[in-house]
Structures are given as structure tokens and as C-alpha cells.
């Protein structure tokens, strides 16, 4: 059973060399806990810190999907990248 479902937004694949093919067709990763998801994001940030950072954003309460949180990219220059 999946306890914590994370979905990667478009900005992650535009800015960081992660391959969409490494994830499910919905670009999701299932973790055992929120702490495991945070650890994965921290690990990814260590590898890509020169260009910016990945951050977790809790899904809106009205979100009807099974996703608990979204991973988005925040560029290192501080300019927010709109996401879809």
C-alpha cells in the first residue's frame, strides 16, 4: 500500500536532468512516508544544486487525485517558474 504519493510537475523535467521515463506514466513516485519523500528531494537537490532546487508542495485539499504532494522546481536565481 502506498502511504505517500508524490507527482512531479512539468518544471522538474524542463530544468533538471531527470527523465520522465524513470517514473510512472503520471510522473509519480510512491513513498512509504512523507519523510522518505523529503529525503528523496534532498538527495536530488544535492545533485542539481547549481541550477536551483526541487521543493514539495502539499496538494490542495480540494484536489480529488490520490496525490499527497507535488514536486516543483525553484530556479537558483529566485525567479519562480510557472507550472502546469
C-alpha atoms as a PDB file:
ATOM      1  CA  UNK A   1       0.000   0.000   0.000  1.00  0.00           C
ATOM      2  CA  UNK A   2       1.204   3.485  -0.876  1.00  0.00           C
ATOM      3  CA  UNK A   3       1.289   5.822   2.090  1.00  0.00           C
ATOM      4  CA  UNK A   4       2.590   8.973   0.387  1.00  0.00           C
ATOM      5  CA  UNK A   5       2.183   9.715  -3.327  1.00  0.00           C
ATOM      6  CA  UNK A   6       4.266  12.415  -4.995  1.00  0.00           C
ATOM      7  CA  UNK A   7       3.780  13.805  -8.511  1.00  0.00           C
ATOM      8  CA  UNK A   8       6.488  15.676 -10.402  1.00  0.00           C
ATOM      9  CA  UNK A   9       5.349  18.814 -12.223  1.00  0.00           C
ATOM     10  CA  UNK A  10       6.496  19.909 -15.698  1.00  0.00           C
ATOM     11  CA  UNK A  11       9.133  22.331 -14.392  1.00  0.00           C
ATOM     12  CA  UNK A  12      11.125  19.448 -12.928  1.00  0.00           C
ATOM     13  CA  UNK A  13      11.717  17.921 -16.352  1.00  0.00           C
ATOM     14  CA  UNK A  14      12.382  21.258 -18.069  1.00  0.00           C
ATOM     15  CA  UNK A  15      15.110  22.327 -15.664  1.00  0.00           C
ATOM     16  CA  UNK A  16      16.658  19.222 -14.067  1.00  0.00           C
ATOM     17  CA  UNK A  17      18.089  16.247 -15.966  1.00  0.00           C
ATOM     18  CA  UNK A  18      15.564  13.725 -14.660  1.00  0.00           C
ATOM     19  CA  UNK A  19      13.973  11.518 -17.305  1.00  0.00           C
ATOM     20  CA  UNK A  20      10.208  11.199 -17.464  1.00  0.00           C
ATOM     21  CA  UNK A  21      10.720   7.565 -18.447  1.00  0.00           C
ATOM     22  CA  UNK A  22      12.075   6.844 -14.966  1.00  0.00           C
ATOM     23  CA  UNK A  23       8.620   7.425 -13.472  1.00  0.00           C
ATOM     24  CA  UNK A  24       5.093   6.129 -13.974  1.00  0.00           C
ATOM     25  CA  UNK A  25       3.078   7.486 -16.894  1.00  0.00           C
ATOM     26  CA  UNK A  26       1.670  10.044 -14.455  1.00  0.00           C
ATOM     27  CA  UNK A  27       5.184  11.078 -13.297  1.00  0.00           C
ATOM     28  CA  UNK A  28       4.507   9.828  -9.799  1.00  0.00           C
ATOM     29  CA  UNK A  29       6.623   8.214  -7.092  1.00  0.00           C
ATOM     30  CA  UNK A  30       5.178   6.225  -4.210  1.00  0.00           C
ATOM     31  CA  UNK A  31       6.943   6.592  -0.863  1.00  0.00           C
ATOM     32  CA  UNK A  32       6.350   4.880   2.454  1.00  0.00           C
ATOM     33  CA  UNK A  33       6.178   8.230   4.250  1.00  0.00           C
ATOM     34  CA  UNK A  34       6.444  11.991   3.877  1.00  0.00           C
ATOM     35  CA  UNK A  35       9.915  11.762   5.443  1.00  0.00           C
ATOM     36  CA  UNK A  36      11.019   9.388   2.656  1.00  0.00           C
ATOM     37  CA  UNK A  37       9.726  11.839   0.036  1.00  0.00           C
ATOM     38  CA  UNK A  38      11.589  14.698   1.714  1.00  0.00           C
ATOM     39  CA  UNK A  39      14.784  12.619   1.806  1.00  0.00           C
ATOM     40  CA  UNK A  40      14.461  11.890  -1.935  1.00  0.00           C
ATOM     41  CA  UNK A  41      14.026  15.606  -2.709  1.00  0.00           C
ATOM     42  CA  UNK A  42      17.062  16.446  -0.553  1.00  0.00           C
ATOM     43  CA  UNK A  43      19.129  13.846  -2.419  1.00  0.00           C
ATOM     44  CA  UNK A  44      18.043  15.244  -5.801  1.00  0.00           C
ATOM     45  CA  UNK A  45      18.856  18.782  -4.675  1.00  0.00           C
ATOM     46  CA  UNK A  46      22.407  17.760  -3.740  1.00  0.00           C
ATOM     47  CA  UNK A  47      22.911  16.529  -7.300  1.00  0.00           C
ATOM     48  CA  UNK A  48      21.418  19.602  -9.016  1.00  0.00           C
ATOM     49  CA  UNK A  49      22.036  22.480  -6.613  1.00  0.00           C
ATOM     50  CA  UNK A  50      23.799  24.665  -9.186  1.00  0.00           C
ATOM     51  CA  UNK A  51      20.614  25.312 -11.174  1.00  0.00           C
ATOM     52  CA  UNK A  52      18.049  25.564  -8.390  1.00  0.00           C
ATOM     53  CA  UNK A  53      16.108  23.312  -6.090  1.00  0.00           C
ATOM     54  CA  UNK A  54      13.167  20.972  -6.006  1.00  0.00           C
ATOM     55  CA  UNK A  55      10.513  21.697  -3.405  1.00  0.00           C
ATOM     56  CA  UNK A  56       7.494  19.785  -2.126  1.00  0.00           C
ATOM     57  CA  UNK A  57       4.084  21.453  -2.199  1.00  0.00           C
ATOM     58  CA  UNK A  58       1.146  19.832  -0.444  1.00  0.00           C
ATOM     59  CA  UNK A  59      -1.801  19.138  -2.718  1.00  0.00           C
ATOM     60  CA  UNK A  60      -4.771  21.470  -2.234  1.00  0.00           C
ATOM     61  CA  UNK A  61      -7.495  19.990  -0.006  1.00  0.00           C
ATOM     62  CA  UNK A  62      -9.953  20.188  -2.912  1.00  0.00           C
ATOM     63  CA  UNK A  63      -7.617  18.127  -5.118  1.00  0.00           C
ATOM     64  CA  UNK A  64      -9.537  14.946  -5.945  1.00  0.00           C
ATOM     65  CA  UNK A  65      -6.486  12.904  -7.019  1.00  0.00           C
ATOM     66  CA  UNK A  66      -4.600  10.457  -4.813  1.00  0.00           C
ATOM     67  CA  UNK A  67      -1.531  12.732  -4.866  1.00  0.00           C
ATOM     68  CA  UNK A  68      -0.365  13.941  -1.442  1.00  0.00           C
ATOM     69  CA  UNK A  69       2.202  16.451  -2.666  1.00  0.00           C
ATOM     70  CA  UNK A  70       3.791  17.846  -5.812  1.00  0.00           C
ATOM     71  CA  UNK A  71       7.456  18.354  -6.630  1.00  0.00           C
ATOM     72  CA  UNK A  72       8.176  21.639  -8.408  1.00  0.00           C
ATOM     73  CA  UNK A  73      11.396  23.333  -9.467  1.00  0.00           C
ATOM     74  CA  UNK A  74      12.555  26.648  -7.982  1.00  0.00           C
ATOM     75  CA  UNK A  75      15.390  28.191 -10.049  1.00  0.00           C
ATOM     76  CA  UNK A  76      18.538  29.325  -8.275  1.00  0.00           C
ATOM     77  CA  UNK A  77      18.101  32.907  -9.467  1.00  0.00           C
ATOM     78  CA  UNK A  78      14.936  33.246  -7.371  1.00  0.00           C
ATOM     79  CA  UNK A  79      12.557  33.672 -10.306  1.00  0.00           C
ATOM     80  CA  UNK A  80       9.525  31.440  -9.896  1.00  0.00           C
ATOM     81  CA  UNK A  81       8.745  29.186 -12.866  1.00  0.00           C
ATOM     82  CA  UNK A  82       5.006  28.890 -13.576  1.00  0.00           C
ATOM     83  CA  UNK A  83       3.944  25.271 -13.761  1.00  0.00           C
ATOM     84  CA  UNK A  84       1.070  23.377 -15.282  1.00  0.00           C
END
